[in-house]
Structures are given as C-alpha cells and as structure tokens.
Amino acid sequence: MAGSSHGHTPAAWTGVIIAFIGFCVAGTFMVAAQPAGFWAGMVIVLLGGVVGGIMRAMGLGQPKEQHPVHQVSATREPAGAEG
C-alpha cells in the first residue's frame, strides 16, 4: 500500500484529522460521564467523513483511474484460457 499513494490526499488527511478530534472529544466526555458531550464527539466523527467525501467530490481526493486497484489491464486473459 505504501507505493500506491493510498490516502495521501488533502481530502483523506482532513477527514481523518477531523474524525480523530471527534474521537478525542467523545473519549474525554465518556470518561467524564457526560453523554451529551460524547454524542457531540460522535457527530464530529461523522462530520469528518462528510467533509472528506465533499473534498473528494471537489477534486481534492485521489482519482479512481489512478489507483492500482481500479485499473483494468486490457492484455489480461481470463482464467483457464491457456493454449
């Protein structure tokens, strides 16, 4: 995965950082026994996913055609077609 630039985009970094902050907020309020603060942290976690998705849609994510998992080779033969 390290060679594929997986997740090395502004959209991925921003979404993960926001989600991490949300987990920290939720964890702090969970220890403090404050359910409202815990759920606020969970909302921040979800916000991280939404922001990352919006940024990817705006073109700040990795295009699917450049990712090795999504590339289809035209020269590949189907299994069992030897001969």
PDB file of N, CA and C in Angstrom:
ATOM      1  N   MET A   1       0.801  -1.201   0.000  1.00  0.00           N
ATOM      2  CA  MET A   1       0.000   0.000   0.000  1.00  0.00           C
ATOM      3  C   MET A   1       0.838   1.258   0.000  1.00  0.00           C
ATOM      4  N   ALA A   2       2.023   1.180   0.541  1.00  0.00           N
ATOM      5  CA  ALA A   2       2.838   2.388   0.647  1.00  0.00           C
ATOM      6  C   ALA A   2       3.195   2.942  -0.724  1.00  0.00           C
ATOM      7  N   GLY A   3       3.336   2.086  -1.707  1.00  0.00           N
ATOM      8  CA  GLY A   3       3.708   2.544  -3.038  1.00  0.00           C
ATOM      9  C   GLY A   3       2.542   3.060  -3.855  1.00  0.00           C
ATOM     10  N   SER A   4       1.314   2.924  -3.379  1.00  0.00           N
ATOM     11  CA  SER A   4       0.151   3.301  -4.176  1.00  0.00           C
ATOM     12  C   SER A   4      -0.404   4.679  -3.839  1.00  0.00           C
ATOM     13  N   SER A   5       0.229   5.406  -2.937  1.00  0.00           N
ATOM     14  CA  SER A   5      -0.245   6.729  -2.501  1.00  0.00           C
ATOM     15  C   SER A   5      -1.635   6.655  -1.901  1.00  0.00           C
ATOM     16  N   HIS A   6      -1.964   5.554  -1.291  1.00  0.00           N
ATOM     17  CA  HIS A   6      -3.281   5.350  -0.712  1.00  0.00           C
ATOM     18  C   HIS A   6      -3.498   6.326   0.447  1.00  0.00           C
ATOM     19  N   GLY A   7      -4.452   7.219   0.295  1.00  0.00           N
ATOM     20  CA  GLY A   7      -4.811   8.131   1.365  1.00  0.00           C
ATOM     21  C   GLY A   7      -3.925   9.349   1.514  1.00  0.00           C
ATOM     22  N   HIS A   8      -3.031   9.580   0.576  1.00  0.00           N
ATOM     23  CA  HIS A   8      -2.121  10.721   0.666  1.00  0.00           C
ATOM     24  C   HIS A   8      -2.703  11.906  -0.095  1.00  0.00           C
ATOM     25  N   THR A   9      -3.883  12.342   0.300  1.00  0.00           N
ATOM     26  CA  THR A   9      -4.547  13.467  -0.363  1.00  0.00           C
ATOM     27  C   THR A   9      -5.074  14.429   0.696  1.00  0.00           C
ATOM     28  N   PRO A  10      -5.310  15.683   0.311  1.00  0.00           N
ATOM     29  CA  PRO A  10      -5.885  16.626   1.270  1.00  0.00           C
ATOM     30  C   PRO A  10      -7.233  16.162   1.817  1.00  0.00           C
ATOM     31  N   ALA A  11      -8.045  15.534   0.986  1.00  0.00           N
ATOM     32  CA  ALA A  11      -9.359  15.064   1.436  1.00  0.00           C
ATOM     33  C   ALA A  11      -9.208  13.997   2.516  1.00  0.00           C
ATOM     34  N   ALA A  12      -8.302  13.055   2.308  1.00  0.00           N
ATOM     35  CA  ALA A  12      -8.106  11.981   3.286  1.00  0.00           C
ATOM     36  C   ALA A  12      -7.539  12.531   4.591  1.00  0.00           C
ATOM     37  N   TRP A  13      -6.517  13.366   4.497  1.00  0.00           N
ATOM     38  CA  TRP A  13      -5.909  13.920   5.702  1.00  0.00           C
ATOM     39  C   TRP A  13      -6.916  14.744   6.503  1.00  0.00           C
ATOM     40  N   THR A  14      -7.676  15.578   5.832  1.00  0.00           N
ATOM     41  CA  THR A  14      -8.638  16.429   6.528  1.00  0.00           C
ATOM     42  C   THR A  14      -9.718  15.594   7.206  1.00  0.00           C
ATOM     43  N   GLY A  15     -10.267  14.620   6.485  1.00  0.00           N
ATOM     44  CA  GLY A  15     -11.300  13.768   7.071  1.00  0.00           C
ATOM     45  C   GLY A  15     -10.808  12.999   8.275  1.00  0.00           C
ATOM     46  N   VAL A  16      -9.597  12.461   8.201  1.00  0.00           N
ATOM     47  CA  VAL A  16      -9.055  11.681   9.312  1.00  0.00           C
ATOM     48  C   VAL A  16      -8.745  12.576  10.507  1.00  0.00           C
ATOM     49  N   ILE A  17      -8.208  13.759  10.271  1.00  0.00           N
ATOM     50  CA  ILE A  17      -7.899  14.663  11.383  1.00  0.00           C
ATOM     51  C   ILE A  17      -9.171  15.093  12.099  1.00  0.00           C
ATOM     52  N   ILE A  18     -10.216  15.428  11.351  1.00  0.00           N
ATOM     53  CA  ILE A  18     -11.481  15.820  11.984  1.00  0.00           C
ATOM     54  C   ILE A  18     -12.063  14.647  12.770  1.00  0.00           C
ATOM     55  N   ALA A  19     -12.028  13.442  12.189  1.00  0.00           N
ATOM     56  CA  ALA A  19     -12.543  12.269  12.889  1.00  0.00           C
ATOM     57  C   ALA A  19     -11.729  11.980  14.148  1.00  0.00           C
ATOM     58  N   PHE A  20     -10.409  12.148  14.089  1.00  0.00           N
ATOM     59  CA  PHE A  20      -9.566  11.933  15.261  1.00  0.00           C
ATOM     60  C   PHE A  20      -9.922  12.909  16.379  1.00  0.00           C
ATOM     61  N   ILE A  21     -10.145  14.160  16.020  1.00  0.00           N
ATOM     62  CA  ILE A  21     -10.559  15.154  17.017  1.00  0.00           C
ATOM     63  C   ILE A  21     -11.893  14.746  17.638  1.00  0.00           C
ATOM     64  N   GLY A  22     -12.813  14.256  16.815  1.00  0.00           N
ATOM     65  CA  GLY A  22     -14.103  13.791  17.323  1.00  0.00           C
ATOM     66  C   GLY A  22     -13.954  12.633  18.292  1.00  0.00           C
ATOM     67  N   PHE A  23     -13.062  11.681  17.988  1.00  0.00           N
ATOM     68  CA  PHE A  23     -12.823  10.567  18.903  1.00  0.00           C
ATOM     69  C   PHE A  23     -12.236  11.062  20.223  1.00  0.00           C
ATOM     70  N   CYS A  24     -11.342  12.031  20.142  1.00  0.00           N
ATOM     71  CA  CYS A  24     -10.751  12.590  21.376  1.00  0.00           C
ATOM     72  C   CYS A  24     -11.829  13.278  22.221  1.00  0.00           C
ATOM     73  N   VAL A  25     -12.690  14.044  21.575  1.00  0.00           N
ATOM     74  CA  VAL A  25     -13.776  14.718  22.296  1.00  0.00           C
ATOM     75  C   VAL A  25     -14.707  13.684  22.926  1.00  0.00           C
ATOM     76  N   ALA A  26     -15.105  12.682  22.139  1.00  0.00           N
ATOM     77  CA  ALA A  26     -16.019  11.663  22.656  1.00  0.00           C
ATOM     78  C   ALA A  26     -15.382  10.885  23.807  1.00  0.00           C
ATOM     79  N   GLY A  27     -14.108  10.548  23.669  1.00  0.00           N
ATOM     80  CA  GLY A  27     -13.426   9.819  24.737  1.00  0.00           C
ATOM     81  C   GLY A  27     -13.328  10.628  26.024  1.00  0.00           C
ATOM     82  N   THR A  28     -13.033  11.913  25.884  1.00  0.00           N
ATOM     83  CA  THR A  28     -12.938  12.778  27.060  1.00  0.00           C
ATOM     84  C   THR A  28     -14.271  12.861  27.790  1.00  0.00           C
ATOM     85  N   PHE A  29     -15.340  13.068  27.041  1.00  0.00           N
ATOM     86  CA  PHE A  29     -16.651  13.175  27.675  1.00  0.00           C
ATOM     87  C   PHE A  29     -17.174  11.832  28.171  1.00  0.00           C
ATOM     88  N   MET A  30     -16.717  10.736  27.577  1.00  0.00           N
ATOM     89  CA  MET A  30     -17.126   9.429  28.076  1.00  0.00           C
ATOM     90  C   MET A  30     -16.505   9.189  29.458  1.00  0.00           C
ATOM     91  N   VAL A  31     -15.238   9.546  29.620  1.00  0.00           N
ATOM     92  CA  VAL A  31     -14.576   9.397  30.918  1.00  0.00           C
ATOM     93  C   VAL A  31     -15.210  10.327  31.952  1.00  0.00           C
ATOM     94  N   ALA A  32     -15.627  11.512  31.496  1.00  0.00           N
ATOM     95  CA  ALA A  32     -16.241  12.483  32.403  1.00  0.00           C
ATOM     96  C   ALA A  32     -17.719  12.173  32.662  1.00  0.00           C
ATOM     97  N   ALA A  33     -18.232  11.102  32.085  1.00  0.00           N
ATOM     98  CA  ALA A  33     -19.630  10.684  32.253  1.00  0.00           C
ATOM     99  C   ALA A  33     -20.608  11.775  31.834  1.00  0.00           C
ATOM    100  N   GLN A  34     -20.366  12.376  30.672  1.00  0.00           N
ATOM    101  CA  GLN A  34     -21.238  13.408  30.110  1.00  0.00           C
ATOM    102  C   GLN A  34     -21.756  12.915  28.750  1.00  0.00           C
ATOM    103  N   PRO A  35     -22.923  12.276  28.712  1.00  0.00           N
ATOM    104  CA  PRO A  35     -23.423  11.700  27.466  1.00  0.00           C
ATOM    105  C   PRO A  35     -23.598  12.715  26.338  1.00  0.00           C
ATOM    106  N   ALA A  36     -24.017  13.933  26.662  1.00  0.00           N
ATOM    107  CA  ALA A  36     -24.222  14.925  25.593  1.00  0.00           C
ATOM    108  C   ALA A  36     -22.900  15.248  24.899  1.00  0.00           C
ATOM    109  N   GLY A  37     -21.829  15.386  25.660  1.00  0.00           N
ATOM    110  CA  GLY A  37     -20.519  15.648  25.068  1.00  0.00           C
ATOM    111  C   GLY A  37     -20.005  14.475  24.253  1.00  0.00           C
ATOM    112  N   PHE A  38     -20.296  13.253  24.735  1.00  0.00           N
ATOM    113  CA  PHE A  38     -19.915  12.057  23.983  1.00  0.00           C
ATOM    114  C   PHE A  38     -20.574  12.059  22.616  1.00  0.00           C
ATOM    115  N   TRP A  39     -21.881  12.311  22.580  1.00  0.00           N
ATOM    116  CA  TRP A  39     -22.590  12.300  21.301  1.00  0.00           C
ATOM    117  C   TRP A  39     -22.178  13.459  20.409  1.00  0.00           C
ATOM    118  N   ALA A  40     -21.796  14.572  21.007  1.00  0.00           N
ATOM    119  CA  ALA A  40     -21.249  15.682  20.206  1.00  0.00           C
ATOM    120  C   ALA A  40     -19.954  15.242  19.533  1.00  0.00           C
ATOM    121  N   GLY A  41     -19.119  14.491  20.251  1.00  0.00           N
ATOM    122  CA  GLY A  41     -17.897  13.960  19.660  1.00  0.00           C
ATOM    123  C   GLY A  41     -18.188  12.999  18.520  1.00  0.00           C
ATOM    124  N   MET A  42     -19.226  12.177  18.679  1.00  0.00           N
ATOM    125  CA  MET A  42     -19.595  11.254  17.608  1.00  0.00           C
ATOM    126  C   MET A  42     -20.088  12.000  16.370  1.00  0.00           C
ATOM    127  N   VAL A  43     -20.772  13.116  16.585  1.00  0.00           N
ATOM    128  CA  VAL A  43     -21.206  13.951  15.460  1.00  0.00           C
ATOM    129  C   VAL A  43     -19.989  14.514  14.734  1.00  0.00           C
ATOM    130  N   ILE A  44     -18.958  14.897  15.483  1.00  0.00           N
ATOM    131  CA  ILE A  44     -17.734  15.406  14.872  1.00  0.00           C
ATOM    132  C   ILE A  44     -17.056  14.309  14.053  1.00  0.00           C
ATOM    133  N   VAL A  45     -17.082  13.077  14.545  1.00  0.00           N
ATOM    134  CA  VAL A  45     -16.510  11.956  13.791  1.00  0.00           C
ATOM    135  C   VAL A  45     -17.235  11.818  12.448  1.00  0.00           C
ATOM    136  N   LEU A  46     -18.553  11.838  12.472  1.00  0.00           N
ATOM    137  CA  LEU A  46     -19.323  11.743  11.229  1.00  0.00           C
ATOM    138  C   LEU A  46     -19.058  12.930  10.321  1.00  0.00           C
ATOM    139  N   LEU A  47     -18.884  14.097  10.914  1.00  0.00           N
ATOM    140  CA  LEU A  47     -18.566  15.291  10.137  1.00  0.00           C
ATOM    141  C   LEU A  47     -17.252  15.113   9.384  1.00  0.00           C
ATOM    142  N   GLY A  48     -16.283  14.431   9.983  1.00  0.00           N
ATOM    143  CA  GLY A  48     -15.015  14.160   9.305  1.00  0.00           C
ATOM    144  C   GLY A  48     -15.219  13.360   8.029  1.00  0.00           C
ATOM    145  N   GLY A  49     -16.088  12.359   8.080  1.00  0.00           N
ATOM    146  CA  GLY A  49     -16.386  11.575   6.886  1.00  0.00           C
ATOM    147  C   GLY A  49     -17.087  12.384   5.818  1.00  0.00           C
ATOM    148  N   VAL A  50     -18.012  13.221   6.245  1.00  0.00           N
ATOM    149  CA  VAL A  50     -18.748  14.065   5.293  1.00  0.00           C
ATOM    150  C   VAL A  50     -17.807  15.074   4.634  1.00  0.00           C
ATOM    151  N   VAL A  51     -16.966  15.724   5.441  1.00  0.00           N
ATOM    152  CA  VAL A  51     -16.032  16.709   4.896  1.00  0.00           C
ATOM    153  C   VAL A  51     -15.054  16.043   3.927  1.00  0.00           C
ATOM    154  N   GLY A  52     -14.530  14.869   4.297  1.00  0.00           N
ATOM    155  CA  GLY A  52     -13.631  14.145   3.400  1.00  0.00           C
ATOM    156  C   GLY A  52     -14.308  13.778   2.086  1.00  0.00           C
ATOM    157  N   GLY A  53     -15.558  13.333   2.154  1.00  0.00           N
ATOM    158  CA  GLY A  53     -16.298  12.996   0.937  1.00  0.00           C
ATOM    159  C   GLY A  53     -16.564  14.201   0.061  1.00  0.00           C
ATOM    160  N   ILE A  54     -16.904  15.320   0.676  1.00  0.00           N
ATOM    161  CA  ILE A  54     -17.143  16.543  -0.096  1.00  0.00           C
ATOM    162  C   ILE A  54     -15.848  17.006  -0.755  1.00  0.00           C
ATOM    163  N   MET A  55     -14.742  16.963  -0.012  1.00  0.00           N
ATOM    164  CA  MET A  55     -13.463  17.377  -0.589  1.00  0.00           C
ATOM    165  C   MET A  55     -13.050  16.463  -1.739  1.00  0.00           C
ATOM    166  N   ARG A  56     -13.321  15.167  -1.606  1.00  0.00           N
ATOM    167  CA  ARG A  56     -13.016  14.246  -2.706  1.00  0.00           C
ATOM    168  C   ARG A  56     -13.858  14.569  -3.936  1.00  0.00           C
ATOM    169  N   ALA A  57     -15.130  14.900  -3.710  1.00  0.00           N
ATOM    170  CA  ALA A  57     -16.003  15.266  -4.824  1.00  0.00           C
ATOM    171  C   ALA A  57     -15.554  16.572  -5.491  1.00  0.00           C
ATOM    172  N   MET A  58     -14.890  17.430  -4.717  1.00  0.00           N
ATOM    173  CA  MET A  58     -14.381  18.686  -5.266  1.00  0.00           C
ATOM    174  C   MET A  58     -13.057  18.500  -6.015  1.00  0.00           C
ATOM    175  N   GLY A  59     -12.539  17.279  -6.039  1.00  0.00           N
ATOM    176  CA  GLY A  59     -11.316  17.006  -6.775  1.00  0.00           C
ATOM    177  C   GLY A  59     -10.061  16.993  -5.922  1.00  0.00           C
ATOM    178  N   LEU A  60     -10.206  17.012  -4.599  1.00  0.00           N
ATOM    179  CA  LEU A  60      -9.031  17.017  -3.730  1.00  0.00           C
ATOM    180  C   LEU A  60      -8.656  15.626  -3.249  1.00  0.00           C
ATOM    181  N   GLY A  61      -9.328  14.617  -3.764  1.00  0.00           N
ATOM    182  CA  GLY A  61      -9.004  13.233  -3.418  1.00  0.00           C
ATOM    183  C   GLY A  61      -8.251  12.580  -4.560  1.00  0.00           C
ATOM    184  N   GLN A  62      -7.983  11.301  -4.420  1.00  0.00           N
ATOM    185  CA  GLN A  62      -7.265  10.575  -5.458  1.00  0.00           C
ATOM    186  C   GLN A  62      -8.250  10.096  -6.520  1.00  0.00           C
ATOM    187  N   PRO A  63      -7.988  10.420  -7.788  1.00  0.00           N
ATOM    188  CA  PRO A  63      -8.883   9.955  -8.856  1.00  0.00           C
ATOM    189  C   PRO A  63      -8.883   8.427  -8.928  1.00  0.00           C
ATOM    190  N   LYS A  64     -10.031   7.831  -9.179  1.00  0.00           N
ATOM    191  CA  LYS A  64     -10.145   6.377  -9.206  1.00  0.00           C
ATOM    192  C   LYS A  64      -9.303   5.757 -10.317  1.00  0.00           C
ATOM    193  N   GLU A  65      -9.172   6.434 -11.445  1.00  0.00           N
ATOM    194  CA  GLU A  65      -8.425   5.840 -12.549  1.00  0.00           C
ATOM    195  C   GLU A  65      -6.928   5.760 -12.268  1.00  0.00           C
ATOM    196  N   GLN A  66      -6.417   6.463 -11.265  1.00  0.00           N
ATOM    197  CA  GLN A  66      -5.003   6.396 -10.929  1.00  0.00           C
ATOM    198  C   GLN A  66      -4.710   5.352  -9.864  1.00  0.00           C
ATOM    199  N   HIS A  67      -5.705   4.875  -9.176  1.00  0.00           N
ATOM    200  CA  HIS A  67      -5.490   3.916  -8.097  1.00  0.00           C
ATOM    201  C   HIS A  67      -5.286   2.526  -8.696  1.00  0.00           C
ATOM    202  N   PRO A  68      -4.239   1.787  -8.292  1.00  0.00           N
ATOM    203  CA  PRO A  68      -3.952   0.480  -8.887  1.00  0.00           C
ATOM    204  C   PRO A  68      -5.079  -0.533  -8.745  1.00  0.00           C
ATOM    205  N   VAL A  69      -5.879  -0.432  -7.719  1.00  0.00           N
ATOM    206  CA  VAL A  69      -6.972  -1.386  -7.536  1.00  0.00           C
ATOM    207  C   VAL A  69      -8.038  -1.205  -8.612  1.00  0.00           C
ATOM    208  N   HIS A  70      -8.205   0.017  -9.094  1.00  0.00           N
ATOM    209  CA  HIS A  70      -9.258   0.315 -10.057  1.00  0.00           C
ATOM    210  C   HIS A  70      -8.791   0.258 -11.503  1.00  0.00           C
ATOM    211  N   GLN A  71      -7.526  -0.064 -11.742  1.00  0.00           N
ATOM    212  CA  GLN A  71      -7.036  -0.151 -13.116  1.00  0.00           C
ATOM    213  C   GLN A  71      -7.343  -1.523 -13.682  1.00  0.00           C
ATOM    214  N   VAL A  72      -7.802  -1.549 -14.914  1.00  0.00           N
ATOM    215  CA  VAL A  72      -8.108  -2.797 -15.595  1.00  0.00           C
ATOM    216  C   VAL A  72      -7.146  -2.933 -16.767  1.00  0.00           C
ATOM    217  N   SER A  73      -6.447  -4.052 -16.827  1.00  0.00           N
ATOM    218  CA  SER A  73      -5.486  -4.272 -17.896  1.00  0.00           C
ATOM    219  C   SER A  73      -6.189  -4.891 -19.087  1.00  0.00           C
ATOM    220  N   ALA A  74      -5.967  -4.342 -20.282  1.00  0.00           N
ATOM    221  CA  ALA A  74      -6.604  -4.850 -21.492  1.00  0.00           C
ATOM    222  C   ALA A  74      -5.918  -6.113 -22.001  1.00  0.00           C
ATOM    223  N   THR A  75      -4.705  -6.390 -21.572  1.00  0.00           N
ATOM    224  CA  THR A  75      -3.976  -7.545 -22.071  1.00  0.00           C
ATOM    225  C   THR A  75      -4.160  -8.792 -21.207  1.00  0.00           C
ATOM    226  N   ARG A  76      -4.877  -8.684 -20.131  1.00  0.00           N
ATOM    227  CA  ARG A  76      -5.055  -9.813 -19.221  1.00  0.00           C
ATOM    228  C   ARG A  76      -6.034 -10.820 -19.811  1.00  0.00           C
ATOM    229  N   GLU A  77      -5.651 -12.096 -19.772  1.00  0.00           N
ATOM    230  CA  GLU A  77      -6.501 -13.155 -20.305  1.00  0.00           C
ATOM    231  C   GLU A  77      -7.344 -13.747 -19.195  1.00  0.00           C
ATOM    232  N   PRO A  78      -8.545 -14.219 -19.499  1.00  0.00           N
ATOM    233  CA  PRO A  78      -9.375 -14.851 -18.475  1.00  0.00           C
ATOM    234  C   PRO A  78      -8.734 -16.148 -17.963  1.00  0.00           C
ATOM    235  N   ALA A  79      -9.077 -16.559 -16.765  1.00  0.00           N
ATOM    236  CA  ALA A  79      -8.537 -17.779 -16.172  1.00  0.00           C
ATOM    237  C   ALA A  79      -8.950 -18.991 -16.997  1.00  0.00           C
ATOM    238  N   GLY A  80      -8.038 -19.904 -17.215  1.00  0.00           N
ATOM    239  CA  GLY A  80      -8.332 -21.121 -17.963  1.00  0.00           C
ATOM    240  C   GLY A  80      -8.232 -20.964 -19.472  1.00  0.00           C
ATOM    241  N   ALA A  81      -7.780 -19.811 -19.952  1.00  0.00           N
ATOM    242  CA  ALA A  81      -7.693 -19.574 -21.406  1.00  0.00           C
ATOM    243  C   ALA A  81      -6.267 -19.810 -21.896  1.00  0.00           C
ATOM    244  N   GLU A  82      -5.667 -20.871 -21.420  1.00  0.00           N
ATOM    245  CA  GLU A  82      -4.298 -21.169 -21.846  1.00  0.00           C
ATOM    246  C   GLU A  82      -4.336 -22.106 -23.043  1.00  0.00           C
ATOM    247  N   GLY A  83      -3.585 -21.744 -24.016  1.00  0.00           N
ATOM    248  CA  GLY A  83      -3.483 -22.733 -25.020  1.00  0.00           C
ATOM    249  C   GLY A  83      -3.710 -22.411 -26.370  1.00  0.00           C
TER     250      GLY A  83
END
